[in-house]
Amino acid sequence: MSLPSMFLGVVFSTFYGALFHLLRGGSFLRLFLYIFLSWVGFWLGHLVGEKIGWSFLSIGTLRLGMATIGSFLILALGYWLSLATPTENKK
C-alpha cells in the first residue's frame, strides 16, 4: 500500500469518526474515542476486503467500500458498548 493511500485512509476514517460524533454528540473525549474506533474499523475493513478479494469503491489500492463498512460497524459496536452502565450487586 502506498503512502498516499494510507493518508487518504486516515482522512476518510477521521472524517467518519468526526461525523459520528456530530450525529451522536458527547464530550470531547468521546470525539477521540469515535475517531480511534473509526481508524480501527476502517483498517480492519480494508484488510478483510483484501483477504476476501472484494473491491467495490476502491481508490487505488485502498478498499474504500469495505473499509467504510468496517468503520461504521466498529463505531456502532463501540457506541452500543459505551451505553452500558454498571449495576450494583445487592446481596
C-alpha atoms as a PDB file:
ATOM      1  CA  MET A   1       0.000   0.000   0.000  1.00  0.00           C
ATOM      2  CA  SER A   2       1.353   3.394  -0.937  1.00  0.00           C
ATOM      3  CA  LEU A   3       1.774   6.333   1.415  1.00  0.00           C
ATOM      4  CA  PRO A   4      -0.878   8.450  -0.379  1.00  0.00           C
ATOM      5  CA  SER A   5      -3.416   5.609   0.027  1.00  0.00           C
ATOM      6  CA  MET A   6      -2.631   5.383   3.726  1.00  0.00           C
ATOM      7  CA  PHE A   7      -3.014   9.138   4.109  1.00  0.00           C
ATOM      8  CA  LEU A   8      -6.336   9.059   2.267  1.00  0.00           C
ATOM      9  CA  GLY A   9      -7.492   6.237   4.548  1.00  0.00           C
ATOM     10  CA  VAL A  10      -6.607   8.261   7.653  1.00  0.00           C
ATOM     11  CA  VAL A  11      -8.505  11.261   6.260  1.00  0.00           C
ATOM     12  CA  PHE A  12     -11.621   9.225   5.454  1.00  0.00           C
ATOM     13  CA  SER A  13     -11.630   7.350   8.767  1.00  0.00           C
ATOM     14  CA  THR A  14     -11.096  10.547  10.772  1.00  0.00           C
ATOM     15  CA  PHE A  15     -13.987  12.134   8.891  1.00  0.00           C
ATOM     16  CA  TYR A  16     -16.214   9.137   9.668  1.00  0.00           C
ATOM     17  CA  GLY A  17     -15.374   9.334  13.377  1.00  0.00           C
ATOM     18  CA  ALA A  18     -15.984  13.093  13.483  1.00  0.00           C
ATOM     19  CA  LEU A  19     -19.264  12.702  11.578  1.00  0.00           C
ATOM     20  CA  PHE A  20     -20.412  10.007  14.004  1.00  0.00           C
ATOM     21  CA  HIS A  21     -19.582  12.332  16.913  1.00  0.00           C
ATOM     22  CA  LEU A  22     -21.534  15.127  15.248  1.00  0.00           C
ATOM     23  CA  LEU A  23     -24.588  12.880  14.891  1.00  0.00           C
ATOM     24  CA  ARG A  24     -24.392  11.208  18.325  1.00  0.00           C
ATOM     25  CA  GLY A  25     -22.892  14.028  20.368  1.00  0.00           C
ATOM     26  CA  GLY A  26     -20.899  13.654  23.518  1.00  0.00           C
ATOM     27  CA  SER A  27     -17.884  15.051  25.250  1.00  0.00           C
ATOM     28  CA  PHE A  28     -14.506  15.926  23.820  1.00  0.00           C
ATOM     29  CA  LEU A  29     -13.164  12.559  24.984  1.00  0.00           C
ATOM     30  CA  ARG A  30     -15.936  10.801  23.053  1.00  0.00           C
ATOM     31  CA  LEU A  31     -14.676  12.526  19.910  1.00  0.00           C
ATOM     32  CA  PHE A  32     -11.285  10.892  20.391  1.00  0.00           C
ATOM     33  CA  LEU A  33     -12.938   7.553  21.151  1.00  0.00           C
ATOM     34  CA  TYR A  34     -15.022   7.702  17.972  1.00  0.00           C
ATOM     35  CA  ILE A  35     -12.042   8.686  15.841  1.00  0.00           C
ATOM     36  CA  PHE A  36      -9.953   5.852  17.309  1.00  0.00           C
ATOM     37  CA  LEU A  37     -12.746   3.327  16.778  1.00  0.00           C
ATOM     38  CA  SER A  38     -13.208   4.583  13.246  1.00  0.00           C
ATOM     39  CA  TRP A  39      -9.495   4.123  12.499  1.00  0.00           C
ATOM     40  CA  VAL A  40      -9.551   0.568  13.854  1.00  0.00           C
ATOM     41  CA  GLY A  41     -12.719  -0.382  11.976  1.00  0.00           C
ATOM     42  CA  PHE A  42     -11.549   1.280   8.779  1.00  0.00           C
ATOM     43  CA  TRP A  43      -8.276  -0.615   8.587  1.00  0.00           C
ATOM     44  CA  LEU A  44      -9.846  -3.884   9.700  1.00  0.00           C
ATOM     45  CA  GLY A  45     -12.466  -3.479   6.972  1.00  0.00           C
ATOM     46  CA  HIS A  46      -9.752  -2.727   4.434  1.00  0.00           C
ATOM     47  CA  LEU A  47      -7.783  -5.831   5.454  1.00  0.00           C
ATOM     48  CA  VAL A  48     -10.891  -8.028   5.304  1.00  0.00           C
ATOM     49  CA  GLY A  49     -11.646  -6.636   1.857  1.00  0.00           C
ATOM     50  CA  GLU A  50      -8.156  -7.530   0.688  1.00  0.00           C
ATOM     51  CA  LYS A  51      -8.334 -11.038   2.160  1.00  0.00           C
ATOM     52  CA  ILE A  52     -11.738 -11.761   0.622  1.00  0.00           C
ATOM     53  CA  GLY A  53     -10.899 -10.023  -2.633  1.00  0.00           C
ATOM     54  CA  TRP A  54     -13.837  -7.630  -2.677  1.00  0.00           C
ATOM     55  CA  SER A  55     -13.029  -4.389  -4.408  1.00  0.00           C
ATOM     56  CA  PHE A  56     -16.057  -2.149  -4.624  1.00  0.00           C
ATOM     57  CA  LEU A  57     -15.490   1.592  -4.294  1.00  0.00           C
ATOM     58  CA  SER A  58     -11.728   1.139  -4.472  1.00  0.00           C
ATOM     59  CA  ILE A  59      -9.421   4.113  -4.813  1.00  0.00           C
ATOM     60  CA  GLY A  60      -6.076   2.811  -5.984  1.00  0.00           C
ATOM     61  CA  THR A  61      -5.057   0.124  -3.520  1.00  0.00           C
ATOM     62  CA  LEU A  62      -7.465   1.361  -0.850  1.00  0.00           C
ATOM     63  CA  ARG A  63     -10.595  -0.810  -0.461  1.00  0.00           C
ATOM     64  CA  LEU A  64     -12.813   2.119   0.473  1.00  0.00           C
ATOM     65  CA  GLY A  65     -16.123   0.244   0.351  1.00  0.00           C
ATOM     66  CA  MET A  66     -15.174  -2.492   2.809  1.00  0.00           C
ATOM     67  CA  ALA A  67     -13.206  -0.032   4.928  1.00  0.00           C
ATOM     68  CA  THR A  68     -16.250   2.227   5.258  1.00  0.00           C
ATOM     69  CA  ILE A  69     -18.453  -0.698   6.258  1.00  0.00           C
ATOM     70  CA  GLY A  70     -15.857  -1.816   8.810  1.00  0.00           C
ATOM     71  CA  SER A  71     -15.558   1.682  10.220  1.00  0.00           C
ATOM     72  CA  PHE A  72     -19.286   2.096  10.772  1.00  0.00           C
ATOM     73  CA  LEU A  73     -19.680  -1.400  12.205  1.00  0.00           C
ATOM     74  CA  ILE A  74     -16.967  -0.815  14.808  1.00  0.00           C
ATOM     75  CA  LEU A  75     -18.338   2.670  15.542  1.00  0.00           C
ATOM     76  CA  ALA A  76     -21.818   1.249  16.116  1.00  0.00           C
ATOM     77  CA  LEU A  77     -20.446  -1.539  18.310  1.00  0.00           C
ATOM     78  CA  GLY A  78     -18.361   0.905  20.334  1.00  0.00           C
ATOM     79  CA  TYR A  79     -21.308   3.245  20.768  1.00  0.00           C
ATOM     80  CA  TRP A  80     -23.555   0.388  21.877  1.00  0.00           C
ATOM     81  CA  LEU A  81     -20.974  -0.845  24.375  1.00  0.00           C
ATOM     82  CA  SER A  82     -20.484   2.679  25.744  1.00  0.00           C
ATOM     83  CA  LEU A  83     -24.189   2.868  26.622  1.00  0.00           C
ATOM     84  CA  ALA A  84     -23.848   0.093  29.200  1.00  0.00           C
ATOM     85  CA  THR A  85     -23.912   1.201  32.810  1.00  0.00           C
ATOM     86  CA  PRO A  86     -22.600  -0.871  35.694  1.00  0.00           C
ATOM     87  CA  THR A  87     -25.186  -2.217  38.105  1.00  0.00           C
ATOM     88  CA  GLU A  88     -24.712  -2.771  41.780  1.00  0.00           C
ATOM     89  CA  ASN A  89     -24.964  -6.314  43.002  1.00  0.00           C
ATOM     90  CA  LYS A  90     -27.079  -6.117  46.173  1.00  0.00           C
ATOM     91  CA  LYS A  91     -26.957  -9.094  48.497  1.00  0.00           C
END
